[in-house]
Amino acid sequence: MLTLTNNPKQHPEATCRALQAAEGYVFFGLHRDALRELDSIPEYEQDDCDVLIARIRVLLHLGRWRKAAQLSVRGAALHNSEDEFTVQRAFALHQLNLGEQAARVLLDAPEWLRRTGILHYNLACYEARWGNLTVARQCVQAAIELNSSIKKNARQDPDLAELWN
């Protein structure tokens, strides 16, 4: 589900409405309608952090991996303090079967991001898909130590299924 960032910037009313409508459409699985809402946001607001994140999330739901990866690069360049762009880019590259590039994106992430559980979790997924189960287990353990809520997702993630068999 879409969630607006902690960005203190106030959006114009029409942009807030479009972002909220897009979030609602995603909740109900109406991803193309969500994109239409995001497209209704004025051009001068399209590079806003919240708008970019919302668009990337919708693109990921639609399986438009390449476009999501490209837009994540743009978002990271424009909003370098927002970690979601790095994580979403790595995820999109992973979905494109470009796991080594995805891992490199995460390993090149800023130090503060490397201290989060999501980065280790994603690395675990890549390692597991490459058959490096020992490393994947270490990455999952590190992710859970940093963020205990990751444990539930890890147990259900198809990329990590081999760890539990």
Protein backbone atom coordinates (compact mmCIF):
# COMPACT_ATOMS: atom_id res chain seq x y z
CA MET A 1 0.00 0.00 0.00
CA LEU A 2 1.20 3.50 -0.73
CA THR A 3 2.18 5.62 2.19
CA LEU A 4 3.33 9.17 1.92
CA THR A 5 6.86 9.83 3.14
CA ASN A 6 7.65 11.79 6.26
CA ASN A 7 8.36 14.74 4.01
CA PRO A 8 7.11 17.85 5.86
CA LYS A 9 6.33 19.55 2.53
CA GLN A 10 2.69 20.42 2.10
CA HIS A 11 1.25 19.48 -1.26
CA PRO A 12 -1.41 21.50 -3.06
CA GLU A 13 -4.90 20.17 -2.37
CA ALA A 14 -5.26 18.62 -5.85
CA THR A 15 -1.96 16.75 -5.45
CA CYS A 16 -2.94 15.47 -2.00
CA ARG A 17 -6.23 14.26 -3.42
CA ALA A 18 -4.52 12.49 -6.33
CA LEU A 19 -1.97 10.83 -4.02
CA GLN A 20 -4.71 9.66 -1.66
CA ALA A 21 -6.84 8.41 -4.55
CA ALA A 22 -3.85 6.55 -5.99
CA GLU A 23 -3.26 4.96 -2.59
CA GLY A 24 -6.88 3.83 -2.48
CA TYR A 25 -6.73 2.39 -5.98
CA VAL A 26 -3.58 0.43 -5.11
CA PHE A 27 -5.30 -0.92 -2.00
CA PHE A 28 -8.06 -2.32 -4.20
CA GLY A 29 -5.65 -3.59 -6.85
CA LEU A 30 -6.68 -0.97 -9.42
CA HIS A 31 -3.15 -0.07 -10.45
CA ARG A 32 -3.93 1.49 -13.82
CA ASP A 33 -6.45 3.79 -12.14
CA ALA A 34 -3.74 4.69 -9.62
CA LEU A 35 -1.41 5.63 -12.48
CA ARG A 36 -4.11 7.79 -14.04
CA GLU A 37 -4.47 9.66 -10.74
CA LEU A 38 -0.73 10.20 -10.57
CA ASP A 39 -0.72 11.37 -14.18
CA SER A 40 -3.27 14.04 -13.22
CA ILE A 41 -0.74 15.72 -10.94
CA PRO A 42 0.73 18.84 -12.56
CA GLU A 43 4.04 18.43 -14.39
CA TYR A 44 5.86 20.75 -11.98
CA GLU A 45 5.03 18.33 -9.12
CA GLN A 46 5.94 15.08 -10.90
CA ASP A 47 9.48 15.09 -9.46
CA ASP A 48 8.21 15.57 -5.90
CA CYS A 49 9.45 12.81 -3.60
CA ASP A 50 5.98 11.55 -2.63
CA VAL A 51 4.80 11.54 -6.24
CA LEU A 52 7.87 9.65 -7.47
CA ILE A 53 7.60 7.06 -4.70
CA ALA A 54 3.90 6.56 -5.38
CA ARG A 55 4.53 6.13 -9.11
CA ILE A 56 7.38 3.66 -8.56
CA ARG A 57 5.24 1.58 -6.21
CA VAL A 58 2.46 1.41 -8.77
CA LEU A 59 4.92 0.48 -11.52
CA LEU A 60 6.24 -2.32 -9.31
CA HIS A 61 2.71 -3.62 -8.78
CA LEU A 62 2.25 -3.61 -12.56
CA GLY A 63 5.51 -5.47 -13.11
CA ARG A 64 7.05 -2.61 -15.06
CA TRP A 65 10.45 -3.35 -13.59
CA ARG A 66 12.63 -1.44 -16.06
CA LYS A 67 10.61 1.77 -15.78
CA ALA A 68 10.54 1.46 -11.98
CA ALA A 69 14.32 1.02 -11.88
CA GLN A 70 14.84 4.05 -14.14
CA LEU A 71 12.50 6.23 -12.11
CA SER A 72 14.22 5.10 -8.90
CA VAL A 73 17.54 6.36 -10.24
CA ARG A 74 15.92 9.72 -10.93
CA GLY A 75 14.30 9.80 -7.50
CA ALA A 76 17.56 8.98 -5.72
CA ALA A 77 19.36 11.73 -7.64
CA LEU A 78 16.70 14.29 -6.74
CA HIS A 79 16.01 13.13 -3.17
CA ASN A 80 19.19 11.51 -1.88
CA SER A 81 17.98 11.31 1.72
CA GLU A 82 15.03 9.04 0.79
CA ASP A 83 16.13 5.41 1.10
CA GLU A 84 13.11 3.94 -0.66
CA PHE A 85 14.50 4.84 -4.08
CA THR A 86 17.56 2.67 -3.50
CA VAL A 87 15.54 -0.26 -2.17
CA GLN A 88 12.94 -0.04 -4.95
CA ARG A 89 15.64 0.17 -7.63
CA ALA A 90 17.34 -2.92 -6.24
CA PHE A 91 14.01 -4.77 -6.12
CA ALA A 92 13.20 -3.85 -9.74
CA LEU A 93 16.64 -4.98 -10.89
CA HIS A 94 16.16 -8.23 -8.98
CA GLN A 95 12.85 -8.79 -10.77
CA LEU A 96 14.64 -8.21 -14.09
CA ASN A 97 17.01 -11.07 -13.13
CA LEU A 98 19.82 -8.55 -12.69
CA GLY A 99 20.62 -9.73 -9.18
CA GLU A 100 24.28 -8.78 -9.27
CA GLN A 101 23.37 -5.20 -10.21
CA ALA A 102 20.68 -5.20 -7.51
CA ALA A 103 23.17 -6.37 -4.90
CA ARG A 104 25.68 -3.73 -6.04
CA VAL A 105 23.01 -1.02 -5.65
CA LEU A 106 22.41 -2.12 -2.07
CA LEU A 107 26.09 -2.54 -1.23
CA ASP A 108 26.80 0.95 -2.61
CA ALA A 109 23.99 2.41 -0.51
CA PRO A 110 24.86 5.03 2.09
CA GLU A 111 26.12 3.69 5.42
CA TRP A 112 22.97 4.70 7.30
CA LEU A 113 20.86 2.65 4.88
CA ARG A 114 23.13 -0.35 5.25
CA ARG A 115 22.23 -0.33 8.94
CA THR A 116 18.58 -1.08 8.16
CA GLY A 117 16.98 -4.49 8.07
CA ILE A 118 15.44 -4.09 4.62
CA LEU A 119 18.82 -3.91 2.93
CA HIS A 120 19.99 -7.16 4.56
CA TYR A 121 16.65 -8.76 3.81
CA ASN A 122 16.94 -7.97 0.11
CA LEU A 123 20.52 -9.25 0.03
CA ALA A 124 19.28 -12.49 1.62
CA CYS A 125 16.76 -12.88 -1.20
CA TYR A 126 19.46 -12.42 -3.83
CA GLU A 127 21.87 -14.81 -2.14
CA ALA A 128 19.16 -17.44 -1.75
CA ARG A 129 18.25 -17.23 -5.43
CA TRP A 130 21.93 -17.67 -6.30
CA GLY A 131 22.04 -20.77 -4.10
CA ASN A 132 24.24 -19.21 -1.39
CA LEU A 133 22.02 -20.40 1.45
CA THR A 134 24.59 -19.94 4.21
CA VAL A 135 25.12 -16.30 3.27
CA ALA A 136 21.36 -15.85 2.82
CA ARG A 137 20.74 -17.16 6.35
CA GLN A 138 23.33 -14.73 7.73
CA CYS A 139 21.70 -11.84 5.88
CA VAL A 140 18.21 -12.80 7.13
CA GLN A 141 19.51 -13.07 10.69
CA ALA A 142 21.13 -9.62 10.41
CA ALA A 143 17.89 -8.18 8.98
CA ILE A 144 15.81 -9.63 11.82
CA GLU A 145 18.26 -8.35 14.43
CA LEU A 146 17.88 -4.86 12.99
CA ASN A 147 14.12 -5.10 12.49
CA SER A 148 12.24 -7.97 14.16
CA SER A 149 9.10 -7.42 12.06
CA ILE A 150 11.00 -8.75 9.04
CA LYS A 151 10.81 -12.29 10.41
CA LYS A 152 7.20 -12.81 9.31
CA ASN A 153 7.91 -11.65 5.74
CA ALA A 154 11.03 -13.79 5.54
CA ARG A 155 9.05 -16.94 6.38
CA GLN A 156 6.57 -16.22 3.57
CA ASP A 157 8.94 -14.95 0.87
CA PRO A 158 9.28 -17.40 -2.06
CA ASP A 159 12.85 -16.23 -2.64
CA LEU A 160 13.75 -17.49 0.83
CA ALA A 161 11.75 -20.75 0.77
CA GLU A 162 14.92 -22.85 0.50
CA LEU A 163 16.09 -21.53 3.87
CA TRP A 164 13.18 -23.11 5.67
CA ASN A 165 13.16 -26.53 3.92
